[in-house]
Amino acid sequence: MSTPGRPARRLPRLAAVAAALTCLLLAAACGGSGSSSDGGKETTAAGGTPAATSTAIPTQDVVSSIAADPALKAELPAAIRDRGTITAGVVRSPGTSGLPHAGQTADGTTVGLDVDLREAVAKVLGVTWKQEYGTFASIIPGVQNGKYDVGQANFGVTAARLKVVDFASYLVDGQSFLGAKDLPLDSVTKLTDLCGLTVATTPGTTFQQILTDAAKQCPAAGRKPYTVQYFNDTAPIILGLGNGKVDVYFGPTLGLKYDAAHIAGTKFLGQISSTTVGFATAKGSPIAKALADAVNKLIASGDYARIFAKWGVTGTGVTTSQVNPAAAF
């Protein structure tokens, strides 16, 4: 019997989803041998739905040949130029559940789109990163108090964040939905499509803000409201999709498209909005302009496009990096 206001659906086999999740979290490649370098790229089935594919991680080197630009290095503060390092606050990403943004191979090497972009920017600026780990919630305060020169954790540019830090944009992500394969809902184009469903997301994010702001839309339309569950980790959300405790995962577009292409029993349901993402720096810091100029140098050289092609997310880059672009929220 289905719950009123909630689509009835046959629960997928949890064992299959759990096995796929175990592969995604713990290994660079599961099942099969001789993975190809494009195994991590998104592929699509008929109708544009990402299709499950190998969990192989692309390995091509798109960074080491990038040359330093002395003029751009000169834009950095003298203290950074003298020591040759920029302190970056980043989020630890074990396993591969954080890809395409960041993850680890089986030998512990950190990889991902954000990693390649960060390293490419450092190459252009003629410096290296001193990487320090924080949490999504602690990195921006760490940038504010000087603990980090730069923060990078897929931070969307929002009006609230622009009040406390500056941004140098480097990609466009979005707000999208992932569902179980047999959920009788094939797309989400507006939040009222979620009425009566259980939606999982991460606390302290734009996703929470969007769901909270729209919470009254379902009752106003005479429909059962959606229920929101919050998780700090992706693993219980994917397991929830498998056992029916979660109907839909609301999260970043790039990550959810990657999940749909790599986790059996899931499907991408669409994107409802987009957000410019950037490196966060202290208000008024010259580092922001140096980072933006470095990204623009990479765009002009074609290295930027090669990085996005490696991770199968072409079309999600920026045409021009800007300091403090317009906020989406």
Protein backbone atom coordinates (compact mmCIF):
# COMPACT_ATOMS: atom_id res chain seq x y z
CA MET A 1 0.00 0.00 0.00
CA SER A 2 1.36 3.41 -0.87
CA THR A 3 1.44 6.37 1.44
CA PRO A 4 -1.11 9.07 0.45
CA GLY A 5 0.55 11.78 -1.65
CA ARG A 6 3.57 9.60 -2.33
CA PRO A 7 4.10 7.61 -5.52
CA ALA A 8 4.05 3.86 -4.99
CA ARG A 9 7.20 2.18 -6.17
CA ARG A 10 8.86 -1.18 -6.11
CA LEU A 11 11.94 -0.99 -3.91
CA PRO A 12 15.12 -1.80 -5.78
CA ARG A 13 17.27 -4.63 -4.55
CA LEU A 14 19.31 -3.10 -1.74
CA ALA A 15 22.11 -5.60 -2.22
CA ALA A 16 22.76 -4.37 -5.76
CA VAL A 17 22.77 -0.72 -4.77
CA ALA A 18 24.91 -1.42 -1.72
CA ALA A 19 27.41 -3.34 -3.83
CA ALA A 20 27.61 -0.48 -6.29
CA LEU A 21 28.05 1.97 -3.44
CA THR A 22 30.83 -0.13 -1.92
CA CYS A 23 32.66 -0.03 -5.23
CA LEU A 24 32.19 3.71 -5.51
CA LEU A 25 33.37 4.46 -1.98
CA LEU A 26 36.27 2.08 -1.66
CA ALA A 27 37.83 1.43 -5.04
CA ALA A 28 39.07 3.19 -8.09
CA ALA A 29 37.65 0.40 -10.24
CA CYS A 30 35.36 -2.50 -9.31
CA GLY A 31 34.68 -5.51 -11.46
CA GLY A 32 36.30 -6.05 -14.81
CA SER A 33 39.88 -5.47 -15.75
CA GLY A 34 41.79 -3.15 -17.98
CA SER A 35 39.71 -0.04 -17.38
CA SER A 36 39.97 2.70 -19.97
CA SER A 37 40.87 6.30 -19.25
CA ASP A 38 37.42 7.54 -20.27
CA GLY A 39 35.58 5.23 -17.87
CA GLY A 40 34.94 8.09 -15.50
CA LYS A 41 33.26 10.25 -18.11
CA GLU A 42 29.51 10.64 -18.06
CA THR A 43 27.66 8.68 -20.70
CA THR A 44 24.01 9.08 -21.54
CA ALA A 45 21.31 6.68 -22.55
CA ALA A 46 18.38 7.48 -24.80
CA GLY A 47 16.52 10.53 -23.60
CA GLY A 48 19.60 12.08 -22.03
CA THR A 49 19.55 9.96 -18.86
CA PRO A 50 23.05 9.18 -17.59
CA ALA A 51 23.76 5.48 -18.00
CA ALA A 52 25.61 3.31 -15.52
CA THR A 53 29.17 2.65 -16.59
CA SER A 54 32.55 1.64 -15.18
CA THR A 55 33.80 3.21 -11.97
CA ALA A 56 37.24 3.66 -13.55
CA ILE A 57 38.83 7.02 -12.84
CA PRO A 58 40.32 8.97 -15.75
CA THR A 59 44.08 9.14 -15.46
CA GLN A 60 45.34 11.40 -18.25
CA ASP A 61 47.79 14.11 -17.21
CA VAL A 62 46.33 17.53 -18.09
CA VAL A 63 48.39 19.65 -15.72
CA SER A 64 52.13 18.98 -15.70
CA SER A 65 52.90 20.71 -19.02
CA ILE A 66 51.29 24.02 -17.98
CA ALA A 67 53.86 26.83 -17.83
CA ALA A 68 54.13 29.57 -15.22
CA ASP A 69 53.27 33.16 -16.13
CA PRO A 70 55.63 35.56 -14.29
CA ALA A 71 53.27 38.50 -14.84
CA LEU A 72 50.43 36.69 -13.10
CA LYS A 73 52.69 35.52 -10.29
CA ALA A 74 53.54 39.18 -9.69
CA GLU A 75 49.87 39.80 -8.84
CA LEU A 76 50.19 37.67 -5.71
CA PRO A 77 51.10 39.27 -2.37
CA ALA A 78 54.86 39.47 -1.79
CA ALA A 79 54.65 37.11 1.20
CA ILE A 80 53.16 34.35 -0.98
CA ARG A 81 55.64 34.95 -3.78
CA ASP A 82 58.53 34.76 -1.32
CA ARG A 83 57.47 31.50 0.29
CA GLY A 84 56.19 30.02 -2.97
CA THR A 85 53.05 28.50 -1.47
CA ILE A 86 49.38 29.36 -1.07
CA THR A 87 47.53 27.81 1.87
CA ALA A 88 44.32 26.16 0.70
CA GLY A 89 41.48 25.01 2.91
CA VAL A 90 39.83 21.98 1.29
CA VAL A 91 37.49 19.18 2.32
CA ARG A 92 38.88 15.67 2.69
CA SER A 93 37.33 13.36 0.08
CA PRO A 94 38.03 9.69 0.81
CA GLY A 95 37.03 7.03 -1.68
CA THR A 96 35.38 8.15 -4.89
CA SER A 97 31.95 9.31 -3.71
CA GLY A 98 32.97 12.97 -4.09
CA LEU A 99 33.86 12.69 -7.77
CA PRO A 100 34.00 14.36 -10.18
CA HIS A 101 35.00 17.15 -7.80
CA ALA A 102 37.44 15.22 -5.63
CA GLY A 103 38.21 11.70 -4.46
CA GLN A 104 41.00 9.22 -3.97
CA THR A 105 42.35 6.36 -6.02
CA ALA A 106 42.99 2.95 -4.46
CA ASP A 107 46.54 4.00 -3.55
CA GLY A 108 45.34 7.14 -1.76
CA THR A 109 46.18 9.66 -4.47
CA THR A 110 43.82 12.66 -4.42
CA VAL A 111 42.17 13.21 -7.81
CA GLY A 112 39.27 15.08 -9.34
CA LEU A 113 38.13 18.05 -11.37
CA ASP A 114 38.68 20.49 -8.50
CA VAL A 115 42.11 18.99 -7.84
CA ASP A 116 43.20 19.38 -11.47
CA LEU A 117 41.87 22.93 -11.63
CA ARG A 118 43.62 23.85 -8.39
CA GLU A 119 46.92 22.39 -9.55
CA ALA A 120 46.62 24.03 -12.97
CA VAL A 121 46.07 27.45 -11.37
CA ALA A 122 49.12 26.93 -9.16
CA LYS A 123 51.18 26.03 -12.24
CA VAL A 124 50.17 29.28 -13.96
CA LEU A 125 50.97 31.32 -10.85
CA GLY A 126 54.31 29.59 -10.34
CA VAL A 127 53.53 28.45 -6.79
CA THR A 128 52.42 25.30 -5.00
CA TRP A 129 49.52 24.66 -2.65
CA LYS A 130 49.94 24.03 1.05
CA GLN A 131 46.83 21.94 1.51
CA GLU A 132 45.01 21.89 4.86
CA TYR A 133 41.79 20.04 5.57
CA GLY A 134 38.67 21.56 7.04
CA THR A 135 34.93 20.98 6.76
CA PHE A 136 32.46 22.64 4.42
CA ALA A 137 31.22 24.73 7.34
CA SER A 138 34.64 25.72 8.67
CA ILE A 139 36.56 26.70 5.54
CA ILE A 140 34.98 30.09 4.83
CA PRO A 141 35.43 31.19 8.46
CA GLY A 142 39.02 29.95 8.13
CA VAL A 143 39.49 32.20 5.10
CA GLN A 144 38.01 35.11 7.02
CA ASN A 145 40.36 34.70 9.99
CA GLY A 146 43.47 34.13 7.87
CA LYS A 147 43.93 30.44 8.56
CA TYR A 148 43.64 29.79 4.81
CA ASP A 149 44.62 32.04 1.91
CA VAL A 150 42.05 30.31 -0.29
CA GLY A 151 39.06 28.06 0.31
CA GLN A 152 37.86 25.50 -2.23
CA ALA A 153 34.93 23.18 -1.53
CA ASN A 154 32.54 23.67 -4.44
CA PHE A 155 31.36 26.89 -2.81
CA GLY A 156 28.50 28.48 -4.71
CA VAL A 157 28.57 32.26 -4.93
CA THR A 158 25.71 33.49 -2.73
CA ALA A 159 24.77 36.94 -1.48
CA ALA A 160 25.42 35.88 2.11
CA ARG A 161 28.90 34.56 1.32
CA LEU A 162 29.80 37.64 -0.72
CA LYS A 163 29.34 39.68 2.44
CA VAL A 164 32.23 37.88 4.14
CA VAL A 165 34.57 36.63 1.38
CA ASP A 166 35.50 37.35 -2.22
CA PHE A 167 35.23 34.78 -5.01
CA ALA A 168 37.16 33.98 -8.18
CA SER A 169 34.81 31.90 -10.32
CA TYR A 170 35.95 28.68 -12.01
CA LEU A 171 32.88 26.59 -12.93
CA VAL A 172 29.10 26.48 -12.94
CA ASP A 173 27.39 23.79 -10.89
CA GLY A 174 23.72 23.41 -10.20
CA GLN A 175 20.97 22.12 -7.97
CA SER A 176 19.73 18.75 -9.19
CA PHE A 177 17.97 15.56 -8.19
CA LEU A 178 18.89 11.87 -8.13
CA GLY A 179 16.30 9.17 -7.64
CA ALA A 180 16.05 5.40 -7.37
CA LYS A 181 15.76 3.80 -10.80
CA ASP A 182 12.22 2.55 -10.19
CA LEU A 183 10.85 5.75 -8.66
CA PRO A 184 7.75 6.55 -10.77
CA LEU A 185 9.07 10.04 -11.37
CA ASP A 186 11.38 10.60 -14.31
CA SER A 187 12.09 14.31 -13.95
CA VAL A 188 11.89 17.17 -11.49
CA THR A 189 11.36 20.59 -13.02
CA LYS A 190 9.91 22.39 -10.01
CA LEU A 191 9.92 21.78 -6.27
CA THR A 192 6.22 20.90 -6.18
CA ASP A 193 7.17 17.76 -8.13
CA LEU A 194 8.59 16.59 -4.79
CA CYS A 195 5.32 16.90 -2.86
CA GLY A 196 4.78 13.85 -0.66
CA LEU A 197 8.31 12.54 -1.14
CA THR A 198 11.25 12.14 1.24
CA VAL A 199 14.15 14.28 0.06
CA ALA A 200 17.71 13.94 1.36
CA THR A 201 20.30 16.70 1.23
CA THR A 202 23.27 18.18 3.09
CA PRO A 203 22.78 20.68 5.93
CA GLY A 204 24.26 24.18 5.79
CA THR A 205 24.11 24.34 1.98
CA THR A 206 22.18 26.16 -0.72
CA PHE A 207 20.19 22.93 -1.09
CA GLN A 208 18.85 23.25 2.45
CA GLN A 209 18.10 26.92 1.82
CA ILE A 210 16.14 26.18 -1.35
CA LEU A 211 14.08 23.41 0.26
CA THR A 212 13.38 25.52 3.34
CA ASP A 213 12.33 28.56 1.33
CA ALA A 214 9.94 26.49 -0.78
CA ALA A 215 8.50 24.36 2.04
CA LYS A 216 5.07 26.01 1.88
CA GLN A 217 4.57 25.50 -1.85
CA CYS A 218 3.11 21.99 -1.57
CA PRO A 219 0.52 22.84 1.15
CA ALA A 220 -0.39 25.98 -0.79
CA ALA A 221 -1.13 23.76 -3.78
CA GLY A 222 -3.27 21.46 -1.63
CA ARG A 223 -0.66 18.69 -1.67
CA LYS A 224 1.24 16.82 1.02
CA PRO A 225 4.55 18.56 1.87
CA TYR A 226 7.85 16.92 1.14
CA THR A 227 9.89 15.62 4.06
CA VAL A 228 13.56 16.59 4.27
CA GLN A 229 16.28 14.43 5.83
CA TYR A 230 19.79 15.83 6.36
CA PHE A 231 23.03 13.88 6.03
CA ASN A 232 26.63 15.06 6.16
CA ASP A 233 27.77 12.06 4.12
CA THR A 234 26.66 10.72 0.75
CA ALA A 235 26.77 7.02 1.70
CA PRO A 236 23.57 6.91 3.82
CA ILE A 237 21.71 8.87 1.15
CA ILE A 238 22.57 6.34 -1.55
CA LEU A 239 21.68 3.48 0.77
CA GLY A 240 18.43 5.28 1.55
CA LEU A 241 17.61 5.37 -2.16
CA GLY A 242 18.22 1.63 -2.23
CA ASN A 243 16.05 0.69 0.72
CA GLY A 244 13.21 3.13 0.06
CA LYS A 245 13.85 5.40 3.05
CA VAL A 246 14.85 8.19 0.66
CA ASP A 247 13.00 8.97 -2.57
CA VAL A 248 15.18 11.74 -3.96
CA TYR A 249 18.66 13.13 -3.31
CA PHE A 250 18.95 16.91 -3.83
CA GLY A 251 22.55 17.87 -4.47
CA PRO A 252 25.15 19.34 -6.86
CA THR A 253 24.58 18.68 -10.54
CA LEU A 254 28.08 17.51 -11.41
CA GLY A 255 28.17 15.06 -8.52
CA LEU A 256 24.69 13.65 -9.13
CA LYS A 257 25.28 13.17 -12.86
CA TYR A 258 28.47 11.33 -11.97
CA ASP A 259 26.57 9.20 -9.43
CA ALA A 260 23.86 8.33 -11.97
CA ALA A 261 26.53 7.22 -14.41
CA HIS A 262 28.37 5.08 -11.85
CA ILE A 263 25.86 3.79 -9.27
CA ALA A 264 23.50 1.05 -10.42
CA GLY A 265 19.85 1.53 -9.53
CA THR A 266 19.85 5.34 -9.70
CA LYS A 267 18.74 7.90 -12.28
CA PHE A 268 19.32 11.61 -12.83
CA LEU A 269 16.05 13.56 -12.53
CA GLY A 270 17.16 16.97 -13.77
CA GLN A 271 18.38 20.36 -12.65
CA ILE A 272 16.23 23.26 -11.45
CA SER A 273 18.81 26.02 -11.07
CA SER A 274 22.50 26.77 -11.40
CA THR A 275 25.15 28.52 -9.34
CA THR A 276 28.55 29.93 -10.16
CA VAL A 277 31.27 28.28 -8.06
CA GLY A 278 34.53 29.91 -7.07
CA PHE A 279 37.66 30.00 -4.98
CA ALA A 280 36.99 31.91 -1.76
CA THR A 281 39.48 34.53 -0.52
CA ALA A 282 39.48 37.17 2.19
CA LYS A 283 37.56 40.37 1.41
CA GLY A 284 39.77 42.75 -0.51
CA SER A 285 42.59 40.26 -0.97
CA PRO A 286 44.56 40.61 -4.24
CA ILE A 287 44.67 36.81 -4.39
CA ALA A 288 41.16 36.74 -5.89
CA LYS A 289 42.20 38.66 -9.00
CA ALA A 290 45.35 36.56 -9.40
CA LEU A 291 43.25 33.37 -9.27
CA ALA A 292 40.71 34.73 -11.76
CA ASP A 293 43.47 35.83 -14.13
CA ALA A 294 45.08 32.38 -13.85
CA VAL A 295 41.79 30.67 -14.71
CA ASN A 296 41.38 32.99 -17.69
CA LYS A 297 44.89 32.12 -18.84
CA LEU A 298 43.92 28.43 -18.70
CA ILE A 299 40.74 29.14 -20.68
CA ALA A 300 42.71 30.96 -23.36
CA SER A 301 45.33 28.20 -23.63
CA GLY A 302 42.79 25.38 -23.91
CA ASP A 303 44.07 23.68 -20.76
CA TYR A 304 40.83 24.53 -18.95
CA ALA A 305 38.72 22.74 -21.58
CA ARG A 306 41.03 19.71 -21.46
CA ILE A 307 40.52 19.40 -17.70
CA PHE A 308 36.73 19.47 -18.04
CA ALA A 309 36.83 16.98 -20.92
CA LYS A 310 38.92 14.60 -18.81
CA TRP A 311 36.19 14.46 -16.17
CA GLY A 312 33.32 14.26 -18.66
CA VAL A 313 31.71 17.56 -17.61
CA THR A 314 32.15 19.74 -20.66
CA GLY A 315 29.64 22.58 -20.78
CA THR A 316 29.88 23.30 -17.06
CA GLY A 317 32.82 25.68 -17.17
CA VAL A 318 32.79 29.48 -17.20
CA THR A 319 33.59 31.46 -20.33
CA THR A 320 35.40 34.07 -18.23
CA SER A 321 36.50 33.90 -14.61
CA GLN A 322 35.30 36.88 -12.60
CA VAL A 323 35.97 38.29 -9.18
CA ASN A 324 32.68 38.36 -7.26
CA PRO A 325 30.24 37.37 -10.04
CA ALA A 326 26.54 37.89 -9.50
CA ALA A 327 25.04 35.68 -6.82
CA ALA A 328 22.27 33.24 -7.65
CA PHE A 329 20.72 33.37 -4.17
